[in-house]
Amino acid sequence: MNWKTRYRSFYYTNAEDPDDIILDPEKTALLVIDIQNTYLEAKPDRVDDARWQPFFARMNNTVIPNTASLIADARARGVEVIFARIACLKQDGRDRSLSQKKHGFNYLLLPKDGQDSQLVPELTPQGDAIVILKTTDSALTGTNLRLILHNMGIKNVVVAGIFTDQCVSSTVRSLADESINVIVVDDCCAAATDELHQHELEIINMIYCHVVQLDELAEFYSL
């Protein structure tokens, strides 16, 4: 099974295979979403921390090293690398969107200069890499990323990051609505559980994006 037949939802069970993906490096960007220190920190409650261990393992063993490789390959090909991170401008978080002020997991108070809001060290931006600060789930909503992509002539966006069922999905849908071709790299993304991750990929695949594996991506540049 390859990317053309993997992750098919009910809607696309009998659909014909999609066309081959062809990526022109000059018209392609890699967008890395929210792989920040805060999400790799141990939970203060032991029971809660144990619950998150599969996520931590996927991040440390798969997502972060794979995304580092993805970034290195993009830079070598001349593909623009863009980062997005959740970070508010005000210390008290008054500028956050409602979704980040609600009680529970989505409550996020991450001032832009705090250590917990920074990207993980393995994925540190280099040179003049663009870093988008956002107080929303979608990296397009409330930021100038839409304008940046338009000004740079970007037609294709490769997506990596977390959480698959939240900020990744919201961003993918926003990009698709802007008529941008979106490719989500499965093994460079994670949700809190593998079940949530897999389910969300099935939901967004073929309508909002194409879901591929890291080792499949290189073939799209050689067609």
C-alpha atoms as a PDB file:
ATOM      1  CA  MET A   1       0.000   0.000   0.000  1.00  0.00           C
ATOM      2  CA  ASN A   2       1.343   3.449  -0.925  1.00  0.00           C
ATOM      3  CA  TRP A   3       0.232   7.044  -0.440  1.00  0.00           C
ATOM      4  CA  LYS A   4      -2.360   6.765  -3.215  1.00  0.00           C
ATOM      5  CA  THR A   5      -4.291   4.028  -1.435  1.00  0.00           C
ATOM      6  CA  ARG A   6      -3.429   4.603   2.247  1.00  0.00           C
ATOM      7  CA  TYR A   7      -5.684   6.478   4.694  1.00  0.00           C
ATOM      8  CA  ARG A   8      -8.846   6.371   2.599  1.00  0.00           C
ATOM      9  CA  SER A   9     -12.021   7.369   4.406  1.00  0.00           C
ATOM     10  CA  PHE A  10     -15.544   6.208   3.571  1.00  0.00           C
ATOM     11  CA  TYR A  11     -15.841   9.070   1.080  1.00  0.00           C
ATOM     12  CA  TYR A  12     -12.871   7.923  -0.982  1.00  0.00           C
ATOM     13  CA  THR A  13     -13.048   4.143  -0.693  1.00  0.00           C
ATOM     14  CA  ASN A  14     -13.931   3.741  -4.370  1.00  0.00           C
ATOM     15  CA  ALA A  15     -12.339   6.891  -5.750  1.00  0.00           C
ATOM     16  CA  GLU A  16      -9.800   6.686  -8.539  1.00  0.00           C
ATOM     17  CA  ASP A  17      -6.166   7.105  -7.587  1.00  0.00           C
ATOM     18  CA  PRO A  18      -4.922  10.696  -7.379  1.00  0.00           C
ATOM     19  CA  ASP A  19      -2.490  12.075  -9.935  1.00  0.00           C
ATOM     20  CA  ASP A  20       1.224  11.907  -9.252  1.00  0.00           C
ATOM     21  CA  ILE A  21       2.531  14.699  -7.045  1.00  0.00           C
ATOM     22  CA  ILE A  22       5.117  16.935  -8.687  1.00  0.00           C
ATOM     23  CA  LEU A  23       6.954  19.415  -6.469  1.00  0.00           C
ATOM     24  CA  ASP A  24       8.911  22.348  -7.882  1.00  0.00           C
ATOM     25  CA  PRO A  25      11.305  23.395  -5.074  1.00  0.00           C
ATOM     26  CA  GLU A  26      10.929  27.073  -5.981  1.00  0.00           C
ATOM     27  CA  LYS A  27       7.165  26.851  -5.503  1.00  0.00           C
ATOM     28  CA  THR A  28       7.228  24.610  -2.441  1.00  0.00           C
ATOM     29  CA  ALA A  29       7.542  25.369   1.268  1.00  0.00           C
ATOM     30  CA  LEU A  30       7.960  23.119   4.283  1.00  0.00           C
ATOM     31  CA  LEU A  31       5.842  24.219   7.250  1.00  0.00           C
ATOM     32  CA  VAL A  32       6.785  22.838  10.684  1.00  0.00           C
ATOM     33  CA  ILE A  33       3.987  23.387  13.195  1.00  0.00           C
ATOM     34  CA  ASP A  34       4.277  23.779  16.986  1.00  0.00           C
ATOM     35  CA  ILE A  35       7.076  21.341  17.835  1.00  0.00           C
ATOM     36  CA  GLN A  36       7.837  23.313  20.980  1.00  0.00           C
ATOM     37  CA  ASN A  37       9.532  22.633  24.303  1.00  0.00           C
ATOM     38  CA  THR A  38       6.314  22.775  26.306  1.00  0.00           C
ATOM     39  CA  TYR A  39       4.965  19.631  24.672  1.00  0.00           C
ATOM     40  CA  LEU A  40       8.010  17.536  25.588  1.00  0.00           C
ATOM     41  CA  GLU A  41       8.004  18.453  29.290  1.00  0.00           C
ATOM     42  CA  ALA A  42       7.136  15.820  31.879  1.00  0.00           C
ATOM     43  CA  LYS A  43       3.693  16.169  33.442  1.00  0.00           C
ATOM     44  CA  PRO A  44       3.684  17.101  37.153  1.00  0.00           C
ATOM     45  CA  ASP A  45       1.159  14.379  37.943  1.00  0.00           C
ATOM     46  CA  ARG A  46       2.657  10.869  37.743  1.00  0.00           C
ATOM     47  CA  VAL A  47      -0.514   9.259  36.432  1.00  0.00           C
ATOM     48  CA  ASP A  48      -0.927  11.919  33.768  1.00  0.00           C
ATOM     49  CA  ASP A  49       2.752  11.663  32.826  1.00  0.00           C
ATOM     50  CA  ALA A  50       2.410   7.904  32.367  1.00  0.00           C
ATOM     51  CA  ARG A  51      -0.585   8.494  30.104  1.00  0.00           C
ATOM     52  CA  TRP A  52       1.532  10.682  27.820  1.00  0.00           C
ATOM     53  CA  GLN A  53       4.530   8.343  27.536  1.00  0.00           C
ATOM     54  CA  PRO A  54       3.513   6.909  24.100  1.00  0.00           C
ATOM     55  CA  PHE A  55       3.321  10.468  22.738  1.00  0.00           C
ATOM     56  CA  PHE A  56       6.721  11.374  24.201  1.00  0.00           C
ATOM     57  CA  ALA A  57       8.190   8.216  22.673  1.00  0.00           C
ATOM     58  CA  ARG A  58       6.769   8.955  19.223  1.00  0.00           C
ATOM     59  CA  MET A  59       8.047  12.531  19.388  1.00  0.00           C
ATOM     60  CA  ASN A  60      11.571  11.657  20.549  1.00  0.00           C
ATOM     61  CA  ASN A  61      12.054   8.506  18.484  1.00  0.00           C
ATOM     62  CA  THR A  62      10.180   9.339  15.282  1.00  0.00           C
ATOM     63  CA  VAL A  63       8.731  12.811  14.788  1.00  0.00           C
ATOM     64  CA  ILE A  64      11.637  15.023  15.874  1.00  0.00           C
ATOM     65  CA  PRO A  65      14.442  13.054  14.135  1.00  0.00           C
ATOM     66  CA  ASN A  66      12.327  12.599  11.002  1.00  0.00           C
ATOM     67  CA  THR A  67      11.433  16.276  10.923  1.00  0.00           C
ATOM     68  CA  ALA A  68      15.096  17.205  11.323  1.00  0.00           C
ATOM     69  CA  SER A  69      15.852  15.041   8.274  1.00  0.00           C
ATOM     70  CA  LEU A  70      12.923  16.589   6.421  1.00  0.00           C
ATOM     71  CA  ILE A  71      14.245  20.083   7.144  1.00  0.00           C
ATOM     72  CA  ALA A  72      17.779  19.201   6.060  1.00  0.00           C
ATOM     73  CA  ASP A  73      16.492  17.730   2.794  1.00  0.00           C
ATOM     74  CA  ALA A  74      14.313  20.782   2.150  1.00  0.00           C
ATOM     75  CA  ARG A  75      17.237  23.138   2.683  1.00  0.00           C
ATOM     76  CA  ALA A  76      19.405  21.067   0.342  1.00  0.00           C
ATOM     77  CA  ARG A  77      16.730  21.265  -2.365  1.00  0.00           C
ATOM     78  CA  GLY A  78      16.158  24.996  -1.975  1.00  0.00           C
ATOM     79  CA  VAL A  79      12.698  24.499  -0.483  1.00  0.00           C
ATOM     80  CA  GLU A  80      11.668  27.325   1.851  1.00  0.00           C
ATOM     81  CA  VAL A  81      11.475  26.158   5.480  1.00  0.00           C
ATOM     82  CA  ILE A  82       8.881  27.953   7.609  1.00  0.00           C
ATOM     83  CA  PHE A  83       8.134  27.393  11.280  1.00  0.00           C
ATOM     84  CA  ALA A  84       4.984  28.161  13.246  1.00  0.00           C
ATOM     85  CA  ARG A  85       4.783  28.233  17.015  1.00  0.00           C
ATOM     86  CA  ILE A  86       2.148  29.103  19.572  1.00  0.00           C
ATOM     87  CA  ALA A  87       3.303  32.271  21.323  1.00  0.00           C
ATOM     88  CA  CYS A  88       1.408  35.231  22.713  1.00  0.00           C
ATOM     89  CA  LEU A  89       2.736  38.786  22.636  1.00  0.00           C
ATOM     90  CA  LYS A  90       1.423  39.809  26.060  1.00  0.00           C
ATOM     91  CA  GLN A  91       2.729  38.226  29.258  1.00  0.00           C
ATOM     92  CA  ASP A  92      -0.809  37.758  30.550  1.00  0.00           C
ATOM     93  CA  GLY A  93      -1.976  36.272  27.254  1.00  0.00           C
ATOM     94  CA  ARG A  94      -4.723  38.806  26.582  1.00  0.00           C
ATOM     95  CA  ASP A  95      -4.000  38.542  22.860  1.00  0.00           C
ATOM     96  CA  ARG A  96      -4.732  34.798  22.711  1.00  0.00           C
ATOM     97  CA  SER A  97      -7.688  33.434  20.787  1.00  0.00           C
ATOM     98  CA  LEU A  98     -10.613  32.020  22.750  1.00  0.00           C
ATOM     99  CA  SER A  99      -9.556  28.420  22.081  1.00  0.00           C
ATOM    100  CA  GLN A 100      -6.290  29.044  23.948  1.00  0.00           C
ATOM    101  CA  LYS A 101      -8.028  30.654  26.925  1.00  0.00           C
ATOM    102  CA  LYS A 102     -10.433  27.796  27.638  1.00  0.00           C
ATOM    103  CA  HIS A 103      -9.811  25.576  30.649  1.00  0.00           C
ATOM    104  CA  GLY A 104      -8.280  22.176  30.041  1.00  0.00           C
ATOM    105  CA  PHE A 105      -5.610  20.874  27.667  1.00  0.00           C
ATOM    106  CA  ASN A 106      -6.001  23.716  25.179  1.00  0.00           C
ATOM    107  CA  TYR A 107      -5.341  26.400  27.806  1.00  0.00           C
ATOM    108  CA  LEU A 108      -2.023  27.787  26.626  1.00  0.00           C
ATOM    109  CA  LEU A 109      -0.137  30.701  28.132  1.00  0.00           C
ATOM    110  CA  LEU A 110       3.114  30.792  26.188  1.00  0.00           C
ATOM    111  CA  PRO A 111       4.685  34.291  26.072  1.00  0.00           C
ATOM    112  CA  LYS A 112       6.857  34.571  22.980  1.00  0.00           C
ATOM    113  CA  ASP A 113      10.174  34.907  24.838  1.00  0.00           C
ATOM    114  CA  GLY A 114       9.599  32.082  27.303  1.00  0.00           C
ATOM    115  CA  GLN A 115      11.713  28.959  27.047  1.00  0.00           C
ATOM    116  CA  ASP A 116       8.692  26.675  26.945  1.00  0.00           C
ATOM    117  CA  SER A 117       7.335  28.431  23.852  1.00  0.00           C
ATOM    118  CA  GLN A 118      10.536  27.948  21.830  1.00  0.00           C
ATOM    119  CA  LEU A 119      10.966  25.292  19.164  1.00  0.00           C
ATOM    120  CA  VAL A 120      12.806  22.183  20.337  1.00  0.00           C
ATOM    121  CA  PRO A 121      16.615  22.490  20.005  1.00  0.00           C
ATOM    122  CA  GLU A 122      16.845  19.828  17.287  1.00  0.00           C
ATOM    123  CA  LEU A 123      14.708  21.998  14.984  1.00  0.00           C
ATOM    124  CA  THR A 124      16.235  25.411  15.588  1.00  0.00           C
ATOM    125  CA  PRO A 125      15.602  27.774  12.649  1.00  0.00           C
ATOM    126  CA  GLN A 126      18.670  28.827  10.682  1.00  0.00           C
ATOM    127  CA  GLY A 127      19.543  32.065   8.912  1.00  0.00           C
ATOM    128  CA  ASP A 128      16.548  34.067   7.771  1.00  0.00           C
ATOM    129  CA  ALA A 129      14.043  31.236   8.203  1.00  0.00           C
ATOM    130  CA  ILE A 130      10.529  32.565   8.698  1.00  0.00           C
ATOM    131  CA  VAL A 131       8.966  31.896  12.099  1.00  0.00           C
ATOM    132  CA  ILE A 132       5.246  32.585  12.441  1.00  0.00           C
ATOM    133  CA  LEU A 133       3.883  33.382  15.908  1.00  0.00           C
ATOM    134  CA  LYS A 134       0.277  32.394  16.361  1.00  0.00           C
ATOM    135  CA  THR A 135      -2.394  32.474  19.039  1.00  0.00           C
ATOM    136  CA  THR A 136      -4.757  30.327  16.974  1.00  0.00           C
ATOM    137  CA  ASP A 137      -4.812  26.697  15.882  1.00  0.00           C
ATOM    138  CA  SER A 138      -4.440  27.445  12.173  1.00  0.00           C
ATOM    139  CA  ALA A 139      -1.110  28.979  11.198  1.00  0.00           C
ATOM    140  CA  LEU A 140      -2.966  31.087   8.618  1.00  0.00           C
ATOM    141  CA  THR A 141      -5.719  32.523  10.798  1.00  0.00           C
ATOM    142  CA  GLY A 142      -4.617  35.740  12.435  1.00  0.00           C
ATOM    143  CA  THR A 143      -1.123  35.719  10.895  1.00  0.00           C
ATOM    144  CA  ASN A 144       0.438  37.032   7.706  1.00  0.00           C
ATOM    145  CA  LEU A 145       1.428  33.550   6.494  1.00  0.00           C
ATOM    146  CA  ARG A 146      -1.168  33.638   3.729  1.00  0.00           C
ATOM    147  CA  LEU A 147       0.373  36.828   2.352  1.00  0.00           C
ATOM    148  CA  ILE A 148       3.911  35.475   2.736  1.00  0.00           C
ATOM    149  CA  LEU A 149       3.106  32.345   0.748  1.00  0.00           C
ATOM    150  CA  HIS A 150       1.398  34.409  -1.946  1.00  0.00           C
ATOM    151  CA  ASN A 151       4.280  36.888  -2.191  1.00  0.00           C
ATOM    152  CA  MET A 152       6.817  34.071  -2.498  1.00  0.00           C
ATOM    153  CA  GLY A 153       4.856  32.258  -5.183  1.00  0.00           C
ATOM    154  CA  ILE A 154       4.346  29.151  -3.064  1.00  0.00           C
ATOM    155  CA  LYS A 155       1.863  26.666  -4.537  1.00  0.00           C
ATOM    156  CA  ASN A 156       2.720  23.557  -2.497  1.00  0.00           C
ATOM    157  CA  VAL A 157       3.160  23.204   1.259  1.00  0.00           C
ATOM    158  CA  VAL A 158       4.633  20.142   2.953  1.00  0.00           C
ATOM    159  CA  VAL A 159       3.424  19.921   6.559  1.00  0.00           C
ATOM    160  CA  ALA A 160       4.996  18.411   9.676  1.00  0.00           C
ATOM    161  CA  GLY A 161       4.165  18.986  13.317  1.00  0.00           C
ATOM    162  CA  ILE A 162       1.712  18.592  16.165  1.00  0.00           C
ATOM    163  CA  PHE A 163      -1.023  17.993  17.027  1.00  0.00           C
ATOM    164  CA  THR A 164      -2.354  16.137  13.993  1.00  0.00           C
ATOM    165  CA  ASP A 165      -5.981  16.498  15.073  1.00  0.00           C
ATOM    166  CA  GLN A 166      -5.680  20.114  16.181  1.00  0.00           C
ATOM    167  CA  CYS A 167      -3.223  22.686  14.825  1.00  0.00           C
ATOM    168  CA  VAL A 168      -1.998  20.515  11.948  1.00  0.00           C
ATOM    169  CA  SER A 169      -5.528  19.739  10.776  1.00  0.00           C
ATOM    170  CA  SER A 170      -6.687  23.352  11.162  1.00  0.00           C
ATOM    171  CA  THR A 171      -3.713  24.623   9.173  1.00  0.00           C
ATOM    172  CA  VAL A 172      -4.125  21.994   6.452  1.00  0.00           C
ATOM    173  CA  ARG A 173      -7.769  22.923   5.975  1.00  0.00           C
ATOM    174  CA  SER A 174      -6.926  26.625   5.823  1.00  0.00           C
ATOM    175  CA  LEU A 175      -4.204  26.024   3.244  1.00  0.00           C
ATOM    176  CA  ALA A 176      -6.539  23.896   1.140  1.00  0.00           C
ATOM    177  CA  ASP A 177      -9.145  26.655   1.217  1.00  0.00           C
ATOM    178  CA  GLU A 178      -6.485  28.955  -0.238  1.00  0.00           C
ATOM    179  CA  SER A 179      -6.077  26.489  -3.159  1.00  0.00           C
ATOM    180  CA  ILE A 180      -2.623  25.439  -2.037  1.00  0.00           C
ATOM    181  CA  ASN A 181      -1.575  21.835  -2.623  1.00  0.00           C
ATOM    182  CA  VAL A 182      -0.846  20.298   0.775  1.00  0.00           C
ATOM    183  CA  ILE A 183       1.220  17.211   1.584  1.00  0.00           C
ATOM    184  CA  VAL A 184       1.185  15.953   5.182  1.00  0.00           C
ATOM    185  CA  VAL A 185       4.095  13.760   6.228  1.00  0.00           C
ATOM    186  CA  ASP A 186       2.613  11.051   8.457  1.00  0.00           C
ATOM    187  CA  ASP A 187       5.787  10.090  10.320  1.00  0.00           C
ATOM    188  CA  CYS A 188       6.651  13.737  10.973  1.00  0.00           C
ATOM    189  CA  CYS A 189       3.374  14.346  12.840  1.00  0.00           C
ATOM    190  CA  ALA A 190       1.747  13.197  16.070  1.00  0.00           C
ATOM    191  CA  ALA A 191      -1.440  13.502  18.071  1.00  0.00           C
ATOM    192  CA  ALA A 192      -1.832  12.713  21.771  1.00  0.00           C
ATOM    193  CA  THR A 193      -2.589   9.100  20.846  1.00  0.00           C
ATOM    194  CA  ASP A 194      -1.855   7.060  17.770  1.00  0.00           C
ATOM    195  CA  GLU A 195      -5.583   6.421  17.377  1.00  0.00           C
ATOM    196  CA  LEU A 196      -6.331  10.147  17.164  1.00  0.00           C
ATOM    197  CA  HIS A 197      -3.421  10.625  14.752  1.00  0.00           C
ATOM    198  CA  GLN A 198      -4.504   7.854  12.405  1.00  0.00           C
ATOM    199  CA  HIS A 199      -8.157   8.876  12.489  1.00  0.00           C
ATOM    200  CA  GLU A 200      -7.427  12.509  11.660  1.00  0.00           C
ATOM    201  CA  LEU A 201      -5.180  11.575   8.752  1.00  0.00           C
ATOM    202  CA  GLU A 202      -8.025   9.507   7.327  1.00  0.00           C
ATOM    203  CA  ILE A 203     -10.379  12.481   7.693  1.00  0.00           C
ATOM    204  CA  ILE A 204      -8.170  15.042   5.927  1.00  0.00           C
ATOM    205  CA  ASN A 205      -6.549  12.798   3.320  1.00  0.00           C
ATOM    206  CA  MET A 206      -7.475  13.291  -0.359  1.00  0.00           C
ATOM    207  CA  ILE A 207      -9.865  16.181   0.271  1.00  0.00           C
ATOM    208  CA  TYR A 208      -7.620  18.672   2.077  1.00  0.00           C
ATOM    209  CA  CYS A 209      -4.221  17.103   1.481  1.00  0.00           C
ATOM    210  CA  HIS A 210      -2.332  13.984   0.498  1.00  0.00           C
ATOM    211  CA  VAL A 211      -0.801  12.004   3.357  1.00  0.00           C
ATOM    212  CA  VAL A 212       2.605  10.478   2.634  1.00  0.00           C
ATOM    213  CA  GLN A 213       5.514   8.864   4.451  1.00  0.00           C
ATOM    214  CA  LEU A 214       8.869  10.601   4.735  1.00  0.00           C
ATOM    215  CA  ASP A 215      10.551   8.029   2.490  1.00  0.00           C
ATOM    216  CA  GLU A 216       7.957   8.633  -0.235  1.00  0.00           C
ATOM    217  CA  LEU A 217       8.489  12.375  -0.425  1.00  0.00           C
ATOM    218  CA  ALA A 218      11.753  12.348  -2.393  1.00  0.00           C
ATOM    219  CA  GLU A 219      10.093  10.751  -5.437  1.00  0.00           C
ATOM    220  CA  PHE A 220       7.876  13.800  -5.908  1.00  0.00           C
ATOM    221  CA  TYR A 221      10.894  15.997  -6.628  1.00  0.00           C
ATOM    222  CA  SER A 222      12.294  13.630  -9.250  1.00  0.00           C
ATOM    223  CA  LEU A 223       9.272  13.354 -11.542  1.00  0.00           C
END
